[in-house]
Amino acid sequence: METNDSLLPDRDTMPVWSFDLIVDGIYYKHVRSTNQVIVTSSDNNRFEYRGDFIIPRKVTYREREYQVTGIGKDAFSYSAIFFIEIPDCVTNIGDGAFRACTGLTSITISKNVSNIGKFAFFDCNLLKGIRVEAPVLPICGEKVFEFIPKTCKLIVPENSKKAYRGAAEWKNFLF
């Protein structure tokens, strides 16, 4: 586990970092005055993550526990990930969070995600399936699923299919 605060001698001259701590190879930004963090990327911002990812519900850093509540802007963009599972403690997926993850084939979005930012899954051109556990449609920004294969299957709660089929951002998926 690493943090930027140990690298800096003086808070008055502190540069703005894109992350506050690293736990198990995942970068996090602390939501000030809370016990919450959001997944982010390093200052390099691209090609950071590889493989399959299950976002943890909680992380521990310096004997303090933090709840993961969001995925930040461009957090995984351009990364070589294949599968992502988003837990039920996450409520927000930021703008461009998974933009151009061209190896991404499968996503599970938990029931508590209420907002998906613009371009969040833009150009995930190998996507085969999305499982959305939310019975209420998440609010989506513009072009969230632009350049997703027309053969991508959407799996949603049975009692919510009609609503998903009728919503502009979800209607082009196979059900």
N, C-alpha and C. Protein backbone atom coordinates (compact mmCIF):
# COMPACT_ATOMS: atom_id res chain seq x y z
N MET A 1 0.83 -1.17 0.00
CA MET A 1 0.00 0.00 0.00
C MET A 1 0.88 1.24 0.00
N GLU A 2 0.52 2.17 -0.85
CA GLU A 2 1.28 3.40 -0.96
C GLU A 2 0.33 4.57 -0.88
N THR A 3 0.88 5.71 -0.57
CA THR A 3 0.09 6.94 -0.58
C THR A 3 0.96 8.09 -1.02
N ASN A 4 0.36 9.10 -1.57
CA ASN A 4 1.12 10.28 -1.99
C ASN A 4 1.50 11.15 -0.80
N ASP A 5 0.73 11.11 0.30
CA ASP A 5 1.01 12.01 1.41
C ASP A 5 2.38 11.76 2.03
N SER A 6 2.88 10.54 1.96
CA SER A 6 4.20 10.26 2.53
C SER A 6 5.33 10.77 1.65
N LEU A 7 5.03 11.15 0.43
CA LEU A 7 6.05 11.63 -0.49
C LEU A 7 6.24 13.14 -0.40
N LEU A 8 5.35 13.83 0.27
CA LEU A 8 5.33 15.28 0.24
C LEU A 8 5.78 15.88 1.57
N PRO A 9 6.73 16.82 1.53
CA PRO A 9 7.21 17.40 2.77
C PRO A 9 6.32 18.51 3.32
N ASP A 10 5.60 19.22 2.47
CA ASP A 10 4.89 20.42 2.89
C ASP A 10 3.54 20.50 2.21
N ARG A 11 2.47 20.55 2.99
CA ARG A 11 1.11 20.61 2.41
C ARG A 11 0.89 21.89 1.62
N ASP A 12 1.57 23.01 1.96
CA ASP A 12 1.38 24.27 1.24
C ASP A 12 1.90 24.22 -0.19
N THR A 13 2.88 23.36 -0.43
CA THR A 13 3.43 23.24 -1.78
C THR A 13 3.00 21.95 -2.45
N MET A 14 1.98 21.33 -1.89
CA MET A 14 1.53 20.03 -2.36
C MET A 14 0.92 20.11 -3.76
N PRO A 15 1.42 19.29 -4.71
CA PRO A 15 0.80 19.26 -6.03
C PRO A 15 -0.53 18.51 -5.98
N VAL A 16 -1.32 18.68 -6.99
CA VAL A 16 -2.58 17.97 -7.07
C VAL A 16 -2.30 16.59 -7.68
N TRP A 17 -2.61 15.54 -6.94
CA TRP A 17 -2.42 14.18 -7.42
C TRP A 17 -3.76 13.63 -7.87
N SER A 18 -3.74 12.71 -8.78
CA SER A 18 -4.99 12.12 -9.23
C SER A 18 -5.45 10.99 -8.30
N PHE A 19 -4.61 10.60 -7.34
CA PHE A 19 -4.99 9.54 -6.40
C PHE A 19 -4.41 9.85 -5.02
N ASP A 20 -5.00 9.26 -4.01
CA ASP A 20 -4.54 9.44 -2.64
C ASP A 20 -3.88 8.20 -2.06
N LEU A 21 -4.32 7.02 -2.50
CA LEU A 21 -3.74 5.79 -1.99
C LEU A 21 -3.86 4.67 -3.01
N ILE A 22 -3.02 3.67 -2.82
CA ILE A 22 -3.03 2.49 -3.67
C ILE A 22 -3.17 1.28 -2.76
N VAL A 23 -4.14 0.44 -3.06
CA VAL A 23 -4.33 -0.80 -2.30
C VAL A 23 -4.48 -1.92 -3.31
N ASP A 24 -3.63 -2.93 -3.21
CA ASP A 24 -3.66 -4.09 -4.10
C ASP A 24 -3.66 -3.71 -5.58
N GLY A 25 -2.88 -2.70 -5.91
CA GLY A 25 -2.72 -2.31 -7.31
C GLY A 25 -3.84 -1.45 -7.88
N ILE A 26 -4.79 -1.03 -7.04
CA ILE A 26 -5.88 -0.17 -7.50
C ILE A 26 -5.71 1.20 -6.85
N TYR A 27 -5.84 2.23 -7.66
CA TYR A 27 -5.69 3.61 -7.19
C TYR A 27 -7.04 4.13 -6.69
N TYR A 28 -6.99 4.90 -5.59
CA TYR A 28 -8.21 5.45 -5.00
C TYR A 28 -8.02 6.93 -4.67
N LYS A 29 -9.10 7.66 -4.81
CA LYS A 29 -9.17 9.06 -4.38
C LYS A 29 -10.08 9.10 -3.15
N HIS A 30 -9.58 9.69 -2.07
CA HIS A 30 -10.35 9.78 -0.83
C HIS A 30 -11.38 10.90 -0.94
N VAL A 31 -12.61 10.63 -0.55
CA VAL A 31 -13.65 11.65 -0.48
C VAL A 31 -13.47 12.31 0.89
N ARG A 32 -12.96 13.52 0.87
CA ARG A 32 -12.57 14.21 2.11
C ARG A 32 -13.67 14.21 3.16
N SER A 33 -13.25 14.10 4.41
CA SER A 33 -14.13 14.13 5.59
C SER A 33 -15.11 12.97 5.63
N THR A 34 -14.79 11.87 4.95
CA THR A 34 -15.63 10.67 4.97
C THR A 34 -14.73 9.45 5.10
N ASN A 35 -15.35 8.30 5.14
CA ASN A 35 -14.61 7.04 5.09
C ASN A 35 -14.83 6.39 3.72
N GLN A 36 -14.97 7.23 2.68
CA GLN A 36 -15.27 6.74 1.33
C GLN A 36 -14.13 7.05 0.37
N VAL A 37 -13.99 6.16 -0.61
CA VAL A 37 -13.03 6.37 -1.69
C VAL A 37 -13.69 6.03 -3.02
N ILE A 38 -13.13 6.59 -4.09
CA ILE A 38 -13.56 6.22 -5.43
C ILE A 38 -12.35 5.67 -6.18
N VAL A 39 -12.60 4.73 -7.06
CA VAL A 39 -11.53 4.17 -7.88
C VAL A 39 -11.13 5.22 -8.89
N THR A 40 -9.84 5.38 -9.08
CA THR A 40 -9.33 6.35 -10.04
C THR A 40 -8.15 5.73 -10.78
N SER A 41 -7.36 6.54 -11.40
CA SER A 41 -6.15 6.05 -12.07
C SER A 41 -4.96 6.84 -11.54
N SER A 42 -3.77 6.43 -11.94
CA SER A 42 -2.59 7.16 -11.51
C SER A 42 -2.45 8.42 -12.37
N ASP A 43 -1.40 9.15 -12.15
CA ASP A 43 -1.16 10.35 -12.94
C ASP A 43 -0.87 10.02 -14.40
N ASN A 44 -0.47 8.77 -14.69
CA ASN A 44 -0.24 8.35 -16.07
C ASN A 44 -1.55 8.21 -16.83
N ASN A 45 -2.62 7.84 -16.11
CA ASN A 45 -4.01 7.86 -16.56
C ASN A 45 -4.39 6.89 -17.67
N ARG A 46 -3.51 6.16 -18.27
CA ARG A 46 -3.91 5.25 -19.35
C ARG A 46 -3.17 3.93 -19.22
N PHE A 47 -3.83 2.89 -19.66
CA PHE A 47 -3.22 1.56 -19.70
C PHE A 47 -2.82 1.07 -18.31
N GLU A 48 -3.48 1.58 -17.29
CA GLU A 48 -3.12 1.30 -15.91
C GLU A 48 -3.47 -0.11 -15.47
N TYR A 49 -4.66 -0.57 -15.84
CA TYR A 49 -5.18 -1.81 -15.32
C TYR A 49 -5.21 -2.88 -16.41
N ARG A 50 -5.04 -4.15 -15.96
CA ARG A 50 -5.04 -5.27 -16.90
C ARG A 50 -5.79 -6.45 -16.29
N GLY A 51 -6.45 -7.25 -17.16
CA GLY A 51 -7.08 -8.48 -16.70
C GLY A 51 -8.52 -8.30 -16.28
N ASP A 52 -8.97 -9.20 -15.40
CA ASP A 52 -10.33 -9.17 -14.88
C ASP A 52 -10.34 -8.42 -13.55
N PHE A 53 -11.39 -7.63 -13.33
CA PHE A 53 -11.47 -6.83 -12.12
C PHE A 53 -12.79 -7.01 -11.40
N ILE A 54 -12.68 -7.24 -10.11
CA ILE A 54 -13.83 -7.16 -9.22
C ILE A 54 -13.49 -6.03 -8.26
N ILE A 55 -14.24 -4.95 -8.37
CA ILE A 55 -13.99 -3.81 -7.50
C ILE A 55 -14.35 -4.22 -6.08
N PRO A 56 -13.47 -4.00 -5.11
CA PRO A 56 -13.80 -4.39 -3.74
C PRO A 56 -14.83 -3.45 -3.12
N ARG A 57 -15.55 -3.96 -2.14
CA ARG A 57 -16.53 -3.14 -1.42
C ARG A 57 -15.82 -2.18 -0.46
N LYS A 58 -14.75 -2.68 0.14
CA LYS A 58 -14.01 -1.90 1.14
C LYS A 58 -12.53 -2.14 0.95
N VAL A 59 -11.75 -1.15 1.34
CA VAL A 59 -10.30 -1.29 1.37
C VAL A 59 -9.80 -0.78 2.71
N THR A 60 -8.68 -1.34 3.15
CA THR A 60 -8.08 -0.90 4.40
C THR A 60 -6.72 -0.29 4.10
N TYR A 61 -6.51 0.88 4.65
CA TYR A 61 -5.25 1.58 4.48
C TYR A 61 -4.89 2.23 5.81
N ARG A 62 -3.68 1.95 6.29
CA ARG A 62 -3.20 2.47 7.57
C ARG A 62 -4.21 2.22 8.70
N GLU A 63 -4.69 0.99 8.74
CA GLU A 63 -5.62 0.52 9.76
C GLU A 63 -6.96 1.25 9.76
N ARG A 64 -7.26 1.92 8.67
CA ARG A 64 -8.56 2.59 8.52
C ARG A 64 -9.29 1.96 7.34
N GLU A 65 -10.57 1.70 7.55
CA GLU A 65 -11.36 1.07 6.51
C GLU A 65 -12.14 2.13 5.72
N TYR A 66 -12.13 1.98 4.40
CA TYR A 66 -12.82 2.89 3.50
C TYR A 66 -13.81 2.10 2.66
N GLN A 67 -14.99 2.67 2.43
CA GLN A 67 -15.96 2.06 1.54
C GLN A 67 -15.77 2.63 0.14
N VAL A 68 -15.78 1.75 -0.85
CA VAL A 68 -15.66 2.17 -2.24
C VAL A 68 -17.05 2.56 -2.73
N THR A 69 -17.23 3.83 -3.12
CA THR A 69 -18.56 4.31 -3.48
C THR A 69 -18.69 4.76 -4.93
N GLY A 70 -17.60 4.79 -5.65
CA GLY A 70 -17.70 5.24 -7.03
C GLY A 70 -16.50 4.84 -7.87
N ILE A 71 -16.68 5.01 -9.17
CA ILE A 71 -15.60 4.82 -10.13
C ILE A 71 -15.43 6.16 -10.81
N GLY A 72 -14.27 6.74 -10.68
CA GLY A 72 -14.04 8.10 -11.13
C GLY A 72 -13.90 8.27 -12.63
N LYS A 73 -13.88 9.52 -13.02
CA LYS A 73 -13.75 9.90 -14.42
C LYS A 73 -12.48 9.27 -15.01
N ASP A 74 -12.66 8.58 -16.14
CA ASP A 74 -11.56 7.97 -16.90
C ASP A 74 -10.73 6.96 -16.10
N ALA A 75 -11.27 6.43 -15.02
CA ALA A 75 -10.51 5.54 -14.13
C ALA A 75 -9.90 4.35 -14.86
N PHE A 76 -10.66 3.69 -15.71
CA PHE A 76 -10.18 2.51 -16.43
C PHE A 76 -9.99 2.78 -17.93
N SER A 77 -10.18 3.99 -18.37
CA SER A 77 -10.15 4.27 -19.81
C SER A 77 -8.86 3.78 -20.45
N TYR A 78 -9.02 3.17 -21.60
CA TYR A 78 -7.93 2.64 -22.41
C TYR A 78 -7.17 1.50 -21.74
N SER A 79 -7.70 0.93 -20.70
CA SER A 79 -7.03 -0.17 -20.00
C SER A 79 -7.31 -1.50 -20.68
N ALA A 80 -6.44 -2.46 -20.44
CA ALA A 80 -6.56 -3.80 -21.03
C ALA A 80 -7.30 -4.72 -20.07
N ILE A 81 -8.56 -4.38 -19.79
CA ILE A 81 -9.36 -5.22 -18.91
C ILE A 81 -10.35 -6.01 -19.75
N PHE A 82 -10.76 -7.17 -19.22
CA PHE A 82 -11.64 -8.07 -19.96
C PHE A 82 -13.02 -8.22 -19.31
N PHE A 83 -13.04 -8.13 -17.98
CA PHE A 83 -14.27 -8.30 -17.21
C PHE A 83 -14.23 -7.33 -16.05
N ILE A 84 -15.37 -6.73 -15.73
CA ILE A 84 -15.45 -5.85 -14.57
C ILE A 84 -16.73 -6.15 -13.81
N GLU A 85 -16.60 -6.28 -12.49
CA GLU A 85 -17.76 -6.46 -11.62
C GLU A 85 -17.79 -5.29 -10.64
N ILE A 86 -18.92 -4.59 -10.64
CA ILE A 86 -19.07 -3.40 -9.82
C ILE A 86 -19.99 -3.75 -8.64
N PRO A 87 -19.51 -3.63 -7.40
CA PRO A 87 -20.29 -4.06 -6.23
C PRO A 87 -21.42 -3.11 -5.88
N ASP A 88 -22.30 -3.56 -4.99
CA ASP A 88 -23.49 -2.79 -4.65
C ASP A 88 -23.22 -1.54 -3.81
N CYS A 89 -22.02 -1.34 -3.34
CA CYS A 89 -21.71 -0.10 -2.61
C CYS A 89 -21.40 1.06 -3.56
N VAL A 90 -21.17 0.76 -4.82
CA VAL A 90 -20.88 1.79 -5.83
C VAL A 90 -22.19 2.36 -6.34
N THR A 91 -22.30 3.69 -6.33
CA THR A 91 -23.51 4.36 -6.80
C THR A 91 -23.29 5.17 -8.07
N ASN A 92 -22.04 5.44 -8.40
CA ASN A 92 -21.76 6.32 -9.53
C ASN A 92 -20.60 5.78 -10.37
N ILE A 93 -20.80 5.79 -11.67
CA ILE A 93 -19.73 5.46 -12.62
C ILE A 93 -19.45 6.75 -13.38
N GLY A 94 -18.24 7.26 -13.28
CA GLY A 94 -17.89 8.56 -13.83
C GLY A 94 -17.79 8.60 -15.34
N ASP A 95 -17.72 9.83 -15.86
CA ASP A 95 -17.57 10.07 -17.29
C ASP A 95 -16.35 9.32 -17.83
N GLY A 96 -16.53 8.61 -18.93
CA GLY A 96 -15.43 7.93 -19.59
C GLY A 96 -14.74 6.86 -18.77
N ALA A 97 -15.37 6.38 -17.72
CA ALA A 97 -14.72 5.45 -16.78
C ALA A 97 -14.12 4.23 -17.47
N PHE A 98 -14.79 3.70 -18.49
CA PHE A 98 -14.31 2.52 -19.20
C PHE A 98 -14.14 2.79 -20.70
N ARG A 99 -14.04 4.04 -21.06
CA ARG A 99 -13.92 4.43 -22.46
C ARG A 99 -12.77 3.68 -23.14
N ALA A 100 -13.07 3.13 -24.31
CA ALA A 100 -12.07 2.48 -25.16
C ALA A 100 -11.34 1.33 -24.47
N CYS A 101 -12.02 0.63 -23.60
CA CYS A 101 -11.48 -0.63 -23.07
C CYS A 101 -11.84 -1.68 -24.12
N THR A 102 -11.04 -1.74 -25.15
CA THR A 102 -11.39 -2.52 -26.33
C THR A 102 -11.27 -4.02 -26.14
N GLY A 103 -10.81 -4.47 -24.99
CA GLY A 103 -10.79 -5.89 -24.69
C GLY A 103 -11.91 -6.31 -23.75
N LEU A 104 -12.67 -5.33 -23.26
CA LEU A 104 -13.73 -5.59 -22.30
C LEU A 104 -14.86 -6.38 -22.96
N THR A 105 -15.18 -7.54 -22.39
CA THR A 105 -16.22 -8.39 -22.96
C THR A 105 -17.44 -8.53 -22.07
N SER A 106 -17.29 -8.29 -20.76
CA SER A 106 -18.40 -8.54 -19.84
C SER A 106 -18.36 -7.55 -18.68
N ILE A 107 -19.56 -7.06 -18.31
CA ILE A 107 -19.70 -6.10 -17.22
C ILE A 107 -20.86 -6.54 -16.33
N THR A 108 -20.67 -6.44 -15.03
CA THR A 108 -21.77 -6.59 -14.08
C THR A 108 -21.89 -5.30 -13.30
N ILE A 109 -23.05 -4.65 -13.42
CA ILE A 109 -23.32 -3.39 -12.74
C ILE A 109 -24.33 -3.68 -11.62
N SER A 110 -23.96 -3.35 -10.41
CA SER A 110 -24.80 -3.69 -9.25
C SER A 110 -26.08 -2.87 -9.17
N LYS A 111 -26.93 -3.28 -8.28
CA LYS A 111 -28.27 -2.71 -8.14
C LYS A 111 -28.29 -1.27 -7.65
N ASN A 112 -27.22 -0.79 -7.02
CA ASN A 112 -27.23 0.55 -6.46
C ASN A 112 -26.60 1.62 -7.34
N VAL A 113 -26.11 1.24 -8.50
CA VAL A 113 -25.57 2.25 -9.42
C VAL A 113 -26.75 3.05 -9.96
N SER A 114 -26.74 4.34 -9.66
CA SER A 114 -27.85 5.20 -10.07
C SER A 114 -27.46 6.18 -11.17
N ASN A 115 -26.15 6.37 -11.38
CA ASN A 115 -25.67 7.30 -12.41
C ASN A 115 -24.52 6.69 -13.18
N ILE A 116 -24.60 6.78 -14.49
CA ILE A 116 -23.51 6.35 -15.37
C ILE A 116 -23.16 7.56 -16.23
N GLY A 117 -21.95 8.04 -16.11
CA GLY A 117 -21.52 9.27 -16.79
C GLY A 117 -21.40 9.12 -18.29
N LYS A 118 -21.34 10.27 -18.95
CA LYS A 118 -21.22 10.29 -20.41
C LYS A 118 -19.96 9.57 -20.85
N PHE A 119 -20.08 8.89 -21.98
CA PHE A 119 -18.98 8.15 -22.60
C PHE A 119 -18.40 7.04 -21.69
N ALA A 120 -19.13 6.62 -20.66
CA ALA A 120 -18.60 5.66 -19.69
C ALA A 120 -18.13 4.36 -20.33
N PHE A 121 -18.88 3.84 -21.31
CA PHE A 121 -18.51 2.59 -21.98
C PHE A 121 -18.32 2.82 -23.48
N PHE A 122 -18.03 4.02 -23.86
CA PHE A 122 -17.83 4.42 -25.25
C PHE A 122 -16.71 3.59 -25.88
N ASP A 123 -16.99 3.02 -27.04
CA ASP A 123 -16.00 2.27 -27.83
C ASP A 123 -15.45 1.03 -27.12
N CYS A 124 -16.29 0.37 -26.32
CA CYS A 124 -15.94 -0.95 -25.77
C CYS A 124 -16.43 -1.94 -26.81
N ASN A 125 -15.70 -2.03 -27.90
CA ASN A 125 -16.19 -2.68 -29.12
C ASN A 125 -16.17 -4.21 -29.13
N LEU A 126 -15.73 -4.84 -28.07
CA LEU A 126 -15.80 -6.30 -27.96
C LEU A 126 -16.81 -6.76 -26.91
N LEU A 127 -17.56 -5.82 -26.38
CA LEU A 127 -18.50 -6.14 -25.32
C LEU A 127 -19.56 -7.12 -25.80
N LYS A 128 -19.69 -8.22 -25.06
CA LYS A 128 -20.66 -9.27 -25.41
C LYS A 128 -21.86 -9.28 -24.48
N GLY A 129 -21.68 -8.82 -23.24
CA GLY A 129 -22.78 -8.86 -22.30
C GLY A 129 -22.65 -7.87 -21.17
N ILE A 130 -23.80 -7.32 -20.79
CA ILE A 130 -23.88 -6.42 -19.64
C ILE A 130 -25.00 -6.94 -18.74
N ARG A 131 -24.66 -7.17 -17.49
CA ARG A 131 -25.67 -7.55 -16.49
C ARG A 131 -25.87 -6.32 -15.60
N VAL A 132 -27.11 -5.83 -15.59
CA VAL A 132 -27.46 -4.69 -14.74
C VAL A 132 -28.45 -5.19 -13.71
N GLU A 133 -28.08 -5.13 -12.45
CA GLU A 133 -28.92 -5.64 -11.38
C GLU A 133 -29.90 -4.59 -10.84
N ALA A 134 -29.81 -3.37 -11.33
CA ALA A 134 -30.66 -2.27 -10.86
C ALA A 134 -32.08 -2.40 -11.40
N PRO A 135 -33.08 -2.50 -10.51
CA PRO A 135 -34.46 -2.55 -10.98
C PRO A 135 -34.93 -1.20 -11.52
N VAL A 136 -34.31 -0.11 -11.03
CA VAL A 136 -34.60 1.24 -11.53
C VAL A 136 -33.47 1.63 -12.47
N LEU A 137 -33.82 2.09 -13.65
CA LEU A 137 -32.82 2.44 -14.65
C LEU A 137 -31.86 3.51 -14.13
N PRO A 138 -30.55 3.25 -14.25
CA PRO A 138 -29.59 4.30 -13.90
C PRO A 138 -29.73 5.47 -14.86
N ILE A 139 -29.49 6.67 -14.36
CA ILE A 139 -29.46 7.85 -15.22
C ILE A 139 -28.16 7.80 -16.00
N CYS A 140 -28.26 7.94 -17.32
CA CYS A 140 -27.09 7.82 -18.19
C CYS A 140 -26.78 9.14 -18.88
N GLY A 141 -25.50 9.46 -18.96
CA GLY A 141 -25.05 10.61 -19.72
C GLY A 141 -25.07 10.30 -21.21
N GLU A 142 -24.66 11.25 -21.99
CA GLU A 142 -24.69 11.07 -23.44
C GLU A 142 -23.66 10.04 -23.93
N LYS A 143 -24.03 9.33 -24.95
CA LYS A 143 -23.17 8.38 -25.67
C LYS A 143 -22.49 7.36 -24.75
N VAL A 144 -23.20 6.95 -23.71
CA VAL A 144 -22.66 5.98 -22.76
C VAL A 144 -22.26 4.68 -23.45
N PHE A 145 -23.09 4.20 -24.37
CA PHE A 145 -22.85 2.92 -25.02
C PHE A 145 -22.58 3.08 -26.51
N GLU A 146 -22.05 4.20 -26.93
CA GLU A 146 -21.74 4.44 -28.34
C GLU A 146 -20.63 3.48 -28.79
N PHE A 147 -20.80 2.91 -29.96
CA PHE A 147 -19.84 1.96 -30.56
C PHE A 147 -19.72 0.65 -29.78
N ILE A 148 -20.84 0.21 -29.23
CA ILE A 148 -20.96 -1.10 -28.61
C ILE A 148 -21.55 -2.02 -29.67
N PRO A 149 -21.09 -3.26 -29.76
CA PRO A 149 -21.65 -4.16 -30.79
C PRO A 149 -23.17 -4.32 -30.66
N LYS A 150 -23.83 -4.36 -31.77
CA LYS A 150 -25.29 -4.55 -31.80
C LYS A 150 -25.69 -5.92 -31.27
N THR A 151 -24.74 -6.83 -31.17
CA THR A 151 -25.00 -8.18 -30.67
C THR A 151 -24.82 -8.30 -29.16
N CYS A 152 -24.49 -7.18 -28.50
CA CYS A 152 -24.28 -7.20 -27.04
C CYS A 152 -25.60 -7.50 -26.34
N LYS A 153 -25.56 -8.44 -25.41
CA LYS A 153 -26.76 -8.85 -24.68
C LYS A 153 -26.85 -8.10 -23.35
N LEU A 154 -28.06 -7.63 -23.06
CA LEU A 154 -28.33 -6.94 -21.81
C LEU A 154 -29.20 -7.83 -20.93
N ILE A 155 -28.72 -8.09 -19.72
CA ILE A 155 -29.47 -8.89 -18.76
C ILE A 155 -29.87 -7.97 -17.61
N VAL A 156 -31.19 -7.86 -17.40
CA VAL A 156 -31.72 -6.97 -16.37
C VAL A 156 -32.77 -7.73 -15.55
N PRO A 157 -33.17 -7.18 -14.39
CA PRO A 157 -34.23 -7.86 -13.63
C PRO A 157 -35.49 -8.04 -14.48
N GLU A 158 -36.10 -9.19 -14.37
CA GLU A 158 -37.26 -9.55 -15.19
C GLU A 158 -38.36 -8.50 -15.13
N ASN A 159 -38.64 -8.00 -13.94
CA ASN A 159 -39.73 -7.03 -13.80
C ASN A 159 -39.36 -5.62 -14.29
N SER A 160 -38.13 -5.44 -14.78
CA SER A 160 -37.69 -4.14 -15.28
C SER A 160 -37.43 -4.12 -16.79
N LYS A 161 -37.57 -5.27 -17.45
CA LYS A 161 -37.25 -5.36 -18.87
C LYS A 161 -37.98 -4.33 -19.72
N LYS A 162 -39.26 -4.15 -19.46
CA LYS A 162 -40.05 -3.21 -20.25
C LYS A 162 -39.48 -1.80 -20.16
N ALA A 163 -39.11 -1.38 -18.97
CA ALA A 163 -38.55 -0.04 -18.78
C ALA A 163 -37.21 0.11 -19.50
N TYR A 164 -36.36 -0.90 -19.40
CA TYR A 164 -35.07 -0.85 -20.09
C TYR A 164 -35.27 -0.82 -21.61
N ARG A 165 -36.17 -1.65 -22.10
CA ARG A 165 -36.43 -1.68 -23.55
C ARG A 165 -36.94 -0.34 -24.08
N GLY A 166 -37.64 0.40 -23.23
CA GLY A 166 -38.21 1.67 -23.65
C GLY A 166 -37.29 2.87 -23.49
N ALA A 167 -36.17 2.69 -22.82
CA ALA A 167 -35.26 3.81 -22.56
C ALA A 167 -34.25 3.96 -23.70
N ALA A 168 -34.04 5.18 -24.13
CA ALA A 168 -33.18 5.46 -25.30
C ALA A 168 -31.79 4.83 -25.19
N GLU A 169 -31.17 4.96 -24.03
CA GLU A 169 -29.79 4.47 -23.93
C GLU A 169 -29.68 2.95 -23.81
N TRP A 170 -30.78 2.26 -23.56
CA TRP A 170 -30.75 0.81 -23.37
C TRP A 170 -31.46 0.03 -24.48
N LYS A 171 -32.23 0.67 -25.29
CA LYS A 171 -33.12 -0.03 -26.22
C LYS A 171 -32.43 -0.77 -27.35
N ASN A 172 -31.18 -0.47 -27.65
CA ASN A 172 -30.49 -1.12 -28.79
C ASN A 172 -29.80 -2.43 -28.43
N PHE A 173 -29.87 -2.83 -27.20
CA PHE A 173 -29.25 -4.09 -26.78
C PHE A 173 -30.17 -5.26 -27.08
N LEU A 174 -29.59 -6.44 -27.16
CA LEU A 174 -30.37 -7.67 -27.24
C LEU A 174 -30.80 -8.02 -25.81
N PHE A 175 -32.04 -8.46 -25.67
CA PHE A 175 -32.54 -8.85 -24.35
C PHE A 175 -32.72 -10.35 -24.30
